[in-house]
Amino acid sequence: MFIDFIPRKAESEVLRLIQYFPAVAIVGPRQVGKTSLAKHLAAKLQKPTVYFDLEDPDDRAKFANPRLLLDPLADRTVILDEVQKQPGYLNESP
């Protein structure tokens, strides 16, 4: 039997945080279901969703000017998957 989504303990916490903050990061090791959780939660929200996979060169190229891309999407849920692939998007300490 195929399970489409495995419930996560973080689900209710992320939904709560989304109500208060303009950005919420879901971080963790590879292959633990972060993308599945983000897509699952986006479906529960009342806003349309836009998904960008920053491992995809085409999606990465769209971020040449992030403000120009993201400002018109302010009324949507934006999922940035594999954000670590985009230099400068994370506060990286030496």
PDB file of N, CA and C in Angstrom:
ATOM      1  N   MET A   1       0.840  -1.174   0.000  1.00  0.00           N
ATOM      2  CA  MET A   1       0.000   0.000   0.000  1.00  0.00           C
ATOM      3  C   MET A   1       0.891   1.245   0.000  1.00  0.00           C
ATOM      4  N   PHE A   2       0.564   2.227  -0.831  1.00  0.00           N
ATOM      5  CA  PHE A   2       1.317   3.475  -0.930  1.00  0.00           C
ATOM      6  C   PHE A   2       0.679   4.524  -0.037  1.00  0.00           C
ATOM      7  N   ILE A   3       1.479   5.150   0.807  1.00  0.00           N
ATOM      8  CA  ILE A   3       0.992   6.219   1.673  1.00  0.00           C
ATOM      9  C   ILE A   3       1.377   7.533   1.019  1.00  0.00           C
ATOM     10  N   ASP A   4       0.387   8.358   0.711  1.00  0.00           N
ATOM     11  CA  ASP A   4       0.627   9.617   0.027  1.00  0.00           C
ATOM     12  C   ASP A   4       1.321  10.629   0.920  1.00  0.00           C
ATOM     13  N   PHE A   5       0.959  10.684   2.180  1.00  0.00           N
ATOM     14  CA  PHE A   5       1.568  11.639   3.096  1.00  0.00           C
ATOM     15  C   PHE A   5       1.614  11.033   4.484  1.00  0.00           C
ATOM     16  N   ILE A   6       2.765  11.111   5.107  1.00  0.00           N
ATOM     17  CA  ILE A   6       2.913  10.638   6.479  1.00  0.00           C
ATOM     18  C   ILE A   6       2.744  11.844   7.397  1.00  0.00           C
ATOM     19  N   PRO A   7       1.782  11.816   8.297  1.00  0.00           N
ATOM     20  CA  PRO A   7       1.592  12.966   9.201  1.00  0.00           C
ATOM     21  C   PRO A   7       2.866  13.252   9.997  1.00  0.00           C
ATOM     22  N   ARG A   8       3.161  14.524  10.152  1.00  0.00           N
ATOM     23  CA  ARG A   8       4.349  14.955  10.880  1.00  0.00           C
ATOM     24  C   ARG A   8       3.938  15.722  12.123  1.00  0.00           C
ATOM     25  N   LYS A   9       4.705  15.576  13.180  1.00  0.00           N
ATOM     26  CA  LYS A   9       4.441  16.325  14.401  1.00  0.00           C
ATOM     27  C   LYS A   9       4.560  17.828  14.150  1.00  0.00           C
ATOM     28  N   ALA A  10       5.409  18.204  13.214  1.00  0.00           N
ATOM     29  CA  ALA A  10       5.662  19.626  12.940  1.00  0.00           C
ATOM     30  C   ALA A  10       4.499  20.311  12.227  1.00  0.00           C
ATOM     31  N   GLU A  11       3.562  19.548  11.704  1.00  0.00           N
ATOM     32  CA  GLU A  11       2.483  20.135  10.896  1.00  0.00           C
ATOM     33  C   GLU A  11       1.744  21.252  11.628  1.00  0.00           C
ATOM     34  N   SER A  12       1.276  21.006  12.830  1.00  0.00           N
ATOM     35  CA  SER A  12       0.499  22.023  13.549  1.00  0.00           C
ATOM     36  C   SER A  12       1.366  23.225  13.907  1.00  0.00           C
ATOM     37  N   GLU A  13       2.629  22.983  14.232  1.00  0.00           N
ATOM     38  CA  GLU A  13       3.526  24.087  14.579  1.00  0.00           C
ATOM     39  C   GLU A  13       3.801  24.972  13.361  1.00  0.00           C
ATOM     40  N   VAL A  14       4.045  24.380  12.213  1.00  0.00           N
ATOM     41  CA  VAL A  14       4.293  25.169  11.006  1.00  0.00           C
ATOM     42  C   VAL A  14       3.039  25.960  10.635  1.00  0.00           C
ATOM     43  N   LEU A  15       1.878  25.348  10.719  1.00  0.00           N
ATOM     44  CA  LEU A  15       0.632  26.074  10.435  1.00  0.00           C
ATOM     45  C   LEU A  15       0.447  27.254  11.385  1.00  0.00           C
ATOM     46  N   ARG A  16       0.806  27.087  12.633  1.00  0.00           N
ATOM     47  CA  ARG A  16       0.708  28.180  13.602  1.00  0.00           C
ATOM     48  C   ARG A  16       1.680  29.306  13.242  1.00  0.00           C
ATOM     49  N   LEU A  17       2.907  28.952  12.921  1.00  0.00           N
ATOM     50  CA  LEU A  17       3.930  29.948  12.602  1.00  0.00           C
ATOM     51  C   LEU A  17       3.594  30.741  11.338  1.00  0.00           C
ATOM     52  N   ILE A  18       2.992  30.073  10.372  1.00  0.00           N
ATOM     53  CA  ILE A  18       2.627  30.739   9.117  1.00  0.00           C
ATOM     54  C   ILE A  18       1.641  31.885   9.368  1.00  0.00           C
ATOM     55  N   GLN A  19       0.862  31.782  10.423  1.00  0.00           N
ATOM     56  CA  GLN A  19      -0.100  32.839  10.742  1.00  0.00           C
ATOM     57  C   GLN A  19       0.580  34.113  11.241  1.00  0.00           C
ATOM     58  N   TYR A  20       1.798  34.012  11.749  1.00  0.00           N
ATOM     59  CA  TYR A  20       2.484  35.137  12.373  1.00  0.00           C
ATOM     60  C   TYR A  20       3.686  35.670  11.594  1.00  0.00           C
ATOM     61  N   PHE A  21       4.287  34.844  10.765  1.00  0.00           N
ATOM     62  CA  PHE A  21       5.528  35.229  10.102  1.00  0.00           C
ATOM     63  C   PHE A  21       5.383  35.158   8.589  1.00  0.00           C
ATOM     64  N   PRO A  22       6.024  36.085   7.868  1.00  0.00           N
ATOM     65  CA  PRO A  22       5.935  36.065   6.404  1.00  0.00           C
ATOM     66  C   PRO A  22       6.737  34.930   5.769  1.00  0.00           C
ATOM     67  N   ALA A  23       7.688  34.371   6.511  1.00  0.00           N
ATOM     68  CA  ALA A  23       8.481  33.257   5.997  1.00  0.00           C
ATOM     69  C   ALA A  23       8.697  32.245   7.106  1.00  0.00           C
ATOM     70  N   VAL A  24       8.552  30.986   6.770  1.00  0.00           N
ATOM     71  CA  VAL A  24       8.797  29.886   7.704  1.00  0.00           C
ATOM     72  C   VAL A  24       9.666  28.866   6.974  1.00  0.00           C
ATOM     73  N   ALA A  25      10.757  28.468   7.597  1.00  0.00           N
ATOM     74  CA  ALA A  25      11.659  27.491   7.001  1.00  0.00           C
ATOM     75  C   ALA A  25      11.417  26.119   7.620  1.00  0.00           C
ATOM     76  N   ILE A  26      11.408  25.122   6.781  1.00  0.00           N
ATOM     77  CA  ILE A  26      11.354  23.736   7.230  1.00  0.00           C
ATOM     78  C   ILE A  26      12.725  23.152   6.898  1.00  0.00           C
ATOM     79  N   VAL A  27      13.503  22.867   7.922  1.00  0.00           N
ATOM     80  CA  VAL A  27      14.869  22.383   7.712  1.00  0.00           C
ATOM     81  C   VAL A  27      15.023  21.000   8.332  1.00  0.00           C
ATOM     82  N   GLY A  28      15.977  20.266   7.820  1.00  0.00           N
ATOM     83  CA  GLY A  28      16.255  18.941   8.342  1.00  0.00           C
ATOM     84  C   GLY A  28      17.119  18.168   7.375  1.00  0.00           C
ATOM     85  N   PRO A  29      17.465  16.955   7.736  1.00  0.00           N
ATOM     86  CA  PRO A  29      18.309  16.132   6.869  1.00  0.00           C
ATOM     87  C   PRO A  29      17.611  15.824   5.541  1.00  0.00           C
ATOM     88  N   ARG A  30      18.394  15.359   4.599  1.00  0.00           N
ATOM     89  CA  ARG A  30      17.840  14.989   3.288  1.00  0.00           C
ATOM     90  C   ARG A  30      16.867  13.820   3.419  1.00  0.00           C
ATOM     91  N   GLN A  31      15.884  13.832   2.564  1.00  0.00           N
ATOM     92  CA  GLN A  31      14.965  12.696   2.396  1.00  0.00           C
ATOM     93  C   GLN A  31      14.125  12.374   3.624  1.00  0.00           C
ATOM     94  N   VAL A  32      13.729  13.397   4.391  1.00  0.00           N
ATOM     95  CA  VAL A  32      12.885  13.133   5.558  1.00  0.00           C
ATOM     96  C   VAL A  32      11.445  13.630   5.364  1.00  0.00           C
ATOM     97  N   GLY A  33      11.150  14.234   4.199  1.00  0.00           N
ATOM     98  CA  GLY A  33       9.785  14.640   3.920  1.00  0.00           C
ATOM     99  C   GLY A  33       9.512  16.132   4.018  1.00  0.00           C
ATOM    100  N   LYS A  34      10.533  16.950   3.965  1.00  0.00           N
ATOM    101  CA  LYS A  34      10.328  18.407   4.062  1.00  0.00           C
ATOM    102  C   LYS A  34       9.472  18.926   2.907  1.00  0.00           C
ATOM    103  N   THR A  35       9.785  18.512   1.692  1.00  0.00           N
ATOM    104  CA  THR A  35       9.018  18.956   0.523  1.00  0.00           C
ATOM    105  C   THR A  35       7.589  18.457   0.599  1.00  0.00           C
ATOM    106  N   SER A  36       7.412  17.206   0.964  1.00  0.00           N
ATOM    107  CA  SER A  36       6.055  16.652   1.090  1.00  0.00           C
ATOM    108  C   SER A  36       5.258  17.416   2.141  1.00  0.00           C
ATOM    109  N   LEU A  37       5.891  17.739   3.252  1.00  0.00           N
ATOM    110  CA  LEU A  37       5.213  18.490   4.301  1.00  0.00           C
ATOM    111  C   LEU A  37       4.822  19.873   3.797  1.00  0.00           C
ATOM    112  N   ALA A  38       5.746  20.565   3.127  1.00  0.00           N
ATOM    113  CA  ALA A  38       5.451  21.908   2.617  1.00  0.00           C
ATOM    114  C   ALA A  38       4.281  21.883   1.633  1.00  0.00           C
ATOM    115  N   LYS A  39       4.280  20.940   0.717  1.00  0.00           N
ATOM    116  CA  LYS A  39       3.189  20.849  -0.266  1.00  0.00           C
ATOM    117  C   LYS A  39       1.876  20.474   0.410  1.00  0.00           C
ATOM    118  N   HIS A  40       1.931  19.588   1.381  1.00  0.00           N
ATOM    119  CA  HIS A  40       0.737  19.187   2.123  1.00  0.00           C
ATOM    120  C   HIS A  40       0.137  20.380   2.862  1.00  0.00           C
ATOM    121  N   LEU A  41       0.977  21.159   3.522  1.00  0.00           N
ATOM    122  CA  LEU A  41       0.501  22.313   4.274  1.00  0.00           C
ATOM    123  C   LEU A  41      -0.027  23.402   3.346  1.00  0.00           C
ATOM    124  N   ALA A  42       0.631  23.601   2.219  1.00  0.00           N
ATOM    125  CA  ALA A  42       0.171  24.616   1.260  1.00  0.00           C
ATOM    126  C   ALA A  42      -1.249  24.312   0.792  1.00  0.00           C
ATOM    127  N   ALA A  43      -1.558  23.042   0.647  1.00  0.00           N
ATOM    128  CA  ALA A  43      -2.901  22.656   0.215  1.00  0.00           C
ATOM    129  C   ALA A  43      -3.950  22.983   1.276  1.00  0.00           C
ATOM    130  N   LYS A  44      -3.535  23.102   2.517  1.00  0.00           N
ATOM    131  CA  LYS A  44      -4.458  23.415   3.611  1.00  0.00           C
ATOM    132  C   LYS A  44      -4.710  24.918   3.759  1.00  0.00           C
ATOM    133  N   LEU A  45      -3.869  25.741   3.156  1.00  0.00           N
ATOM    134  CA  LEU A  45      -3.991  27.183   3.300  1.00  0.00           C
ATOM    135  C   LEU A  45      -5.017  27.724   2.314  1.00  0.00           C
ATOM    136  N   GLN A  46      -5.492  28.927   2.571  1.00  0.00           N
ATOM    137  CA  GLN A  46      -6.524  29.524   1.745  1.00  0.00           C
ATOM    138  C   GLN A  46      -5.959  30.290   0.545  1.00  0.00           C
ATOM    139  N   LYS A  47      -4.637  30.313   0.405  1.00  0.00           N
ATOM    140  CA  LYS A  47      -4.008  31.066  -0.678  1.00  0.00           C
ATOM    141  C   LYS A  47      -3.518  30.119  -1.772  1.00  0.00           C
ATOM    142  N   PRO A  48      -3.474  30.623  -3.019  1.00  0.00           N
ATOM    143  CA  PRO A  48      -2.845  29.833  -4.084  1.00  0.00           C
ATOM    144  C   PRO A  48      -1.354  29.638  -3.768  1.00  0.00           C
ATOM    145  N   THR A  49      -0.776  28.596  -4.307  1.00  0.00           N
ATOM    146  CA  THR A  49       0.608  28.256  -4.027  1.00  0.00           C
ATOM    147  C   THR A  49       1.452  28.328  -5.295  1.00  0.00           C
ATOM    148  N   VAL A  50       2.668  28.837  -5.146  1.00  0.00           N
ATOM    149  CA  VAL A  50       3.657  28.824  -6.220  1.00  0.00           C
ATOM    150  C   VAL A  50       4.856  28.056  -5.682  1.00  0.00           C
ATOM    151  N   TYR A  51       5.337  27.101  -6.461  1.00  0.00           N
ATOM    152  CA  TYR A  51       6.423  26.219  -6.029  1.00  0.00           C
ATOM    153  C   TYR A  51       7.638  26.428  -6.933  1.00  0.00           C
ATOM    154  N   PHE A  52       8.795  26.651  -6.327  1.00  0.00           N
ATOM    155  CA  PHE A  52      10.051  26.750  -7.057  1.00  0.00           C
ATOM    156  C   PHE A  52      11.014  25.707  -6.498  1.00  0.00           C
ATOM    157  N   ASP A  53      11.597  24.912  -7.388  1.00  0.00           N
ATOM    158  CA  ASP A  53      12.610  23.936  -6.999  1.00  0.00           C
ATOM    159  C   ASP A  53      13.964  24.500  -7.427  1.00  0.00           C
ATOM    160  N   LEU A  54      14.742  24.960  -6.469  1.00  0.00           N
ATOM    161  CA  LEU A  54      15.994  25.622  -6.798  1.00  0.00           C
ATOM    162  C   LEU A  54      17.099  24.660  -7.197  1.00  0.00           C
ATOM    163  N   GLU A  55      16.797  23.356  -7.270  1.00  0.00           N
ATOM    164  CA  GLU A  55      17.711  22.410  -7.922  1.00  0.00           C
ATOM    165  C   GLU A  55      17.507  22.449  -9.433  1.00  0.00           C
ATOM    166  N   ASP A  56      16.358  22.945  -9.867  1.00  0.00           N
ATOM    167  CA  ASP A  56      16.026  23.050 -11.286  1.00  0.00           C
ATOM    168  C   ASP A  56      16.668  24.327 -11.846  1.00  0.00           C
ATOM    169  N   PRO A  57      17.543  24.212 -12.838  1.00  0.00           N
ATOM    170  CA  PRO A  57      18.209  25.400 -13.388  1.00  0.00           C
ATOM    171  C   PRO A  57      17.222  26.460 -13.900  1.00  0.00           C
ATOM    172  N   ASP A  58      16.106  26.040 -14.459  1.00  0.00           N
ATOM    173  CA  ASP A  58      15.112  27.007 -14.950  1.00  0.00           C
ATOM    174  C   ASP A  58      14.513  27.816 -13.798  1.00  0.00           C
ATOM    175  N   ASP A  59      14.174  27.146 -12.702  1.00  0.00           N
ATOM    176  CA  ASP A  59      13.641  27.866 -11.542  1.00  0.00           C
ATOM    177  C   ASP A  59      14.709  28.767 -10.928  1.00  0.00           C
ATOM    178  N   ARG A  60      15.954  28.273 -10.854  1.00  0.00           N
ATOM    179  CA  ARG A  60      17.037  29.091 -10.297  1.00  0.00           C
ATOM    180  C   ARG A  60      17.233  30.357 -11.123  1.00  0.00           C
ATOM    181  N   ALA A  61      17.144  30.246 -12.449  1.00  0.00           N
ATOM    182  CA  ALA A  61      17.332  31.402 -13.329  1.00  0.00           C
ATOM    183  C   ALA A  61      16.261  32.465 -13.087  1.00  0.00           C
ATOM    184  N   LYS A  62      15.073  32.063 -12.678  1.00  0.00           N
ATOM    185  CA  LYS A  62      13.993  33.014 -12.403  1.00  0.00           C
ATOM    186  C   LYS A  62      14.345  33.946 -11.246  1.00  0.00           C
ATOM    187  N   PHE A  63      15.309  33.556 -10.428  1.00  0.00           N
ATOM    188  CA  PHE A  63      15.679  34.340  -9.254  1.00  0.00           C
ATOM    189  C   PHE A  63      16.854  35.288  -9.518  1.00  0.00           C
ATOM    190  N   ALA A  64      17.109  35.594 -10.782  1.00  0.00           N
ATOM    191  CA  ALA A  64      18.148  36.579 -11.096  1.00  0.00           C
ATOM    192  C   ALA A  64      17.812  37.916 -10.431  1.00  0.00           C
ATOM    193  N   ASN A  65      16.533  38.236 -10.359  1.00  0.00           N
ATOM    194  CA  ASN A  65      16.061  39.424  -9.650  1.00  0.00           C
ATOM    195  C   ASN A  65      14.923  38.967  -8.728  1.00  0.00           C
ATOM    196  N   PRO A  66      15.241  38.510  -7.516  1.00  0.00           N
ATOM    197  CA  PRO A  66      14.223  37.924  -6.633  1.00  0.00           C
ATOM    198  C   PRO A  66      13.060  38.861  -6.317  1.00  0.00           C
ATOM    199  N   ARG A  67      13.337  40.122  -6.098  1.00  0.00           N
ATOM    200  CA  ARG A  67      12.254  41.060  -5.764  1.00  0.00           C
ATOM    201  C   ARG A  67      11.272  41.183  -6.927  1.00  0.00           C
ATOM    202  N   LEU A  68      11.778  41.268  -8.138  1.00  0.00           N
ATOM    203  CA  LEU A  68      10.922  41.370  -9.315  1.00  0.00           C
ATOM    204  C   LEU A  68      10.037  40.127  -9.450  1.00  0.00           C
ATOM    205  N   LEU A  69      10.577  38.982  -9.099  1.00  0.00           N
ATOM    206  CA  LEU A  69       9.824  37.728  -9.166  1.00  0.00           C
ATOM    207  C   LEU A  69       8.819  37.599  -8.022  1.00  0.00           C
ATOM    208  N   LEU A  70       9.257  37.890  -6.800  1.00  0.00           N
ATOM    209  CA  LEU A  70       8.452  37.595  -5.615  1.00  0.00           C
ATOM    210  C   LEU A  70       7.442  38.675  -5.236  1.00  0.00           C
ATOM    211  N   ASP A  71       7.724  39.942  -5.507  1.00  0.00           N
ATOM    212  CA  ASP A  71       6.779  41.001  -5.123  1.00  0.00           C
ATOM    213  C   ASP A  71       5.363  40.755  -5.651  1.00  0.00           C
ATOM    214  N   PRO A  72       5.187  40.369  -6.915  1.00  0.00           N
ATOM    215  CA  PRO A  72       3.824  40.119  -7.399  1.00  0.00           C
ATOM    216  C   PRO A  72       3.153  38.884  -6.767  1.00  0.00           C
ATOM    217  N   LEU A  73       3.936  38.079  -6.057  1.00  0.00           N
ATOM    218  CA  LEU A  73       3.405  36.857  -5.446  1.00  0.00           C
ATOM    219  C   LEU A  73       3.092  37.041  -3.967  1.00  0.00           C
ATOM    220  N   ALA A  74       3.026  38.266  -3.491  1.00  0.00           N
ATOM    221  CA  ALA A  74       2.841  38.544  -2.063  1.00  0.00           C
ATOM    222  C   ALA A  74       1.547  37.965  -1.509  1.00  0.00           C
ATOM    223  N   ASP A  75       0.543  37.772  -2.333  1.00  0.00           N
ATOM    224  CA  ASP A  75      -0.732  37.231  -1.867  1.00  0.00           C
ATOM    225  C   ASP A  75      -0.800  35.711  -1.999  1.00  0.00           C
ATOM    226  N   ARG A  76       0.313  35.077  -2.272  1.00  0.00           N
ATOM    227  CA  ARG A  76       0.357  33.626  -2.451  1.00  0.00           C
ATOM    228  C   ARG A  76       1.303  32.975  -1.451  1.00  0.00           C
ATOM    229  N   THR A  77       1.149  31.687  -1.294  1.00  0.00           N
ATOM    230  CA  THR A  77       2.123  30.905  -0.541  1.00  0.00           C
ATOM    231  C   THR A  77       3.225  30.521  -1.519  1.00  0.00           C
ATOM    232  N   VAL A  78       4.444  30.882  -1.207  1.00  0.00           N
ATOM    233  CA  VAL A  78       5.580  30.566  -2.072  1.00  0.00           C
ATOM    234  C   VAL A  78       6.437  29.522  -1.372  1.00  0.00           C
ATOM    235  N   ILE A  79       6.670  28.426  -2.058  1.00  0.00           N
ATOM    236  CA  ILE A  79       7.533  27.367  -1.539  1.00  0.00           C
ATOM    237  C   ILE A  79       8.840  27.417  -2.317  1.00  0.00           C
ATOM    238  N   LEU A  80       9.932  27.610  -1.585  1.00  0.00           N
ATOM    239  CA  LEU A  80      11.267  27.569  -2.172  1.00  0.00           C
ATOM    240  C   LEU A  80      11.922  26.270  -1.709  1.00  0.00           C
ATOM    241  N   ASP A  81      11.940  25.300  -2.580  1.00  0.00           N
ATOM    242  CA  ASP A  81      12.532  24.006  -2.246  1.00  0.00           C
ATOM    243  C   ASP A  81      14.010  24.026  -2.621  1.00  0.00           C
ATOM    244  N   GLU A  82      14.824  23.387  -1.815  1.00  0.00           N
ATOM    245  CA  GLU A  82      16.268  23.316  -2.015  1.00  0.00           C
ATOM    246  C   GLU A  82      16.887  24.717  -2.030  1.00  0.00           C
ATOM    247  N   VAL A  83      16.432  25.568  -1.114  1.00  0.00           N
ATOM    248  CA  VAL A  83      16.878  26.957  -1.054  1.00  0.00           C
ATOM    249  C   VAL A  83      18.386  27.068  -0.810  1.00  0.00           C
ATOM    250  N   GLN A  84      18.987  26.050  -0.245  1.00  0.00           N
ATOM    251  CA  GLN A  84      20.428  26.088  -0.011  1.00  0.00           C
ATOM    252  C   GLN A  84      21.203  26.121  -1.329  1.00  0.00           C
ATOM    253  N   LYS A  85      20.560  25.817  -2.445  1.00  0.00           N
ATOM    254  CA  LYS A  85      21.214  25.853  -3.759  1.00  0.00           C
ATOM    255  C   LYS A  85      21.367  27.280  -4.283  1.00  0.00           C
ATOM    256  N   GLN A  86      20.681  28.232  -3.664  1.00  0.00           N
ATOM    257  CA  GLN A  86      20.731  29.629  -4.106  1.00  0.00           C
ATOM    258  C   GLN A  86      21.666  30.404  -3.185  1.00  0.00           C
ATOM    259  N   PRO A  87      22.862  30.733  -3.655  1.00  0.00           N
ATOM    260  CA  PRO A  87      23.830  31.438  -2.803  1.00  0.00           C
ATOM    261  C   PRO A  87      23.257  32.738  -2.238  1.00  0.00           C
ATOM    262  N   GLY A  88      23.517  32.958  -0.949  1.00  0.00           N
ATOM    263  CA  GLY A  88      23.120  34.200  -0.306  1.00  0.00           C
ATOM    264  C   GLY A  88      21.725  34.209   0.277  1.00  0.00           C
ATOM    265  N   TYR A  89      20.931  33.169   0.072  1.00  0.00           N
ATOM    266  CA  TYR A  89      19.559  33.164   0.595  1.00  0.00           C
ATOM    267  C   TYR A  89      19.503  32.753   2.058  1.00  0.00           C
ATOM    268  N   LEU A  90      20.510  32.048   2.513  1.00  0.00           N
ATOM    269  CA  LEU A  90      20.572  31.638   3.903  1.00  0.00           C
ATOM    270  C   LEU A  90      21.652  32.440   4.591  1.00  0.00           C
ATOM    271  N   ASN A  91      21.457  32.723   5.854  1.00  0.00           N
ATOM    272  CA  ASN A  91      22.468  33.442   6.613  1.00  0.00           C
ATOM    273  C   ASN A  91      23.597  32.460   6.926  1.00  0.00           C
ATOM    274  N   GLU A  92      24.616  32.501   6.095  1.00  0.00           N
ATOM    275  CA  GLU A  92      25.705  31.528   6.207  1.00  0.00           C
ATOM    276  C   GLU A  92      26.848  32.120   7.009  1.00  0.00           C
ATOM    277  N   SER A  93      27.195  31.488   8.089  1.00  0.00           N
ATOM    278  CA  SER A  93      28.313  31.931   8.925  1.00  0.00           C
ATOM    279  C   SER A  93      29.571  31.189   8.501  1.00  0.00           C
ATOM    280  N   PRO A  94      30.721  31.859   8.568  1.00  0.00           N
ATOM    281  CA  PRO A  94      31.985  31.173   8.210  1.00  0.00           C
ATOM    282  C   PRO A  94      32.343  30.100   9.198  1.00  0.00           C
TER     283      PRO A  94
END
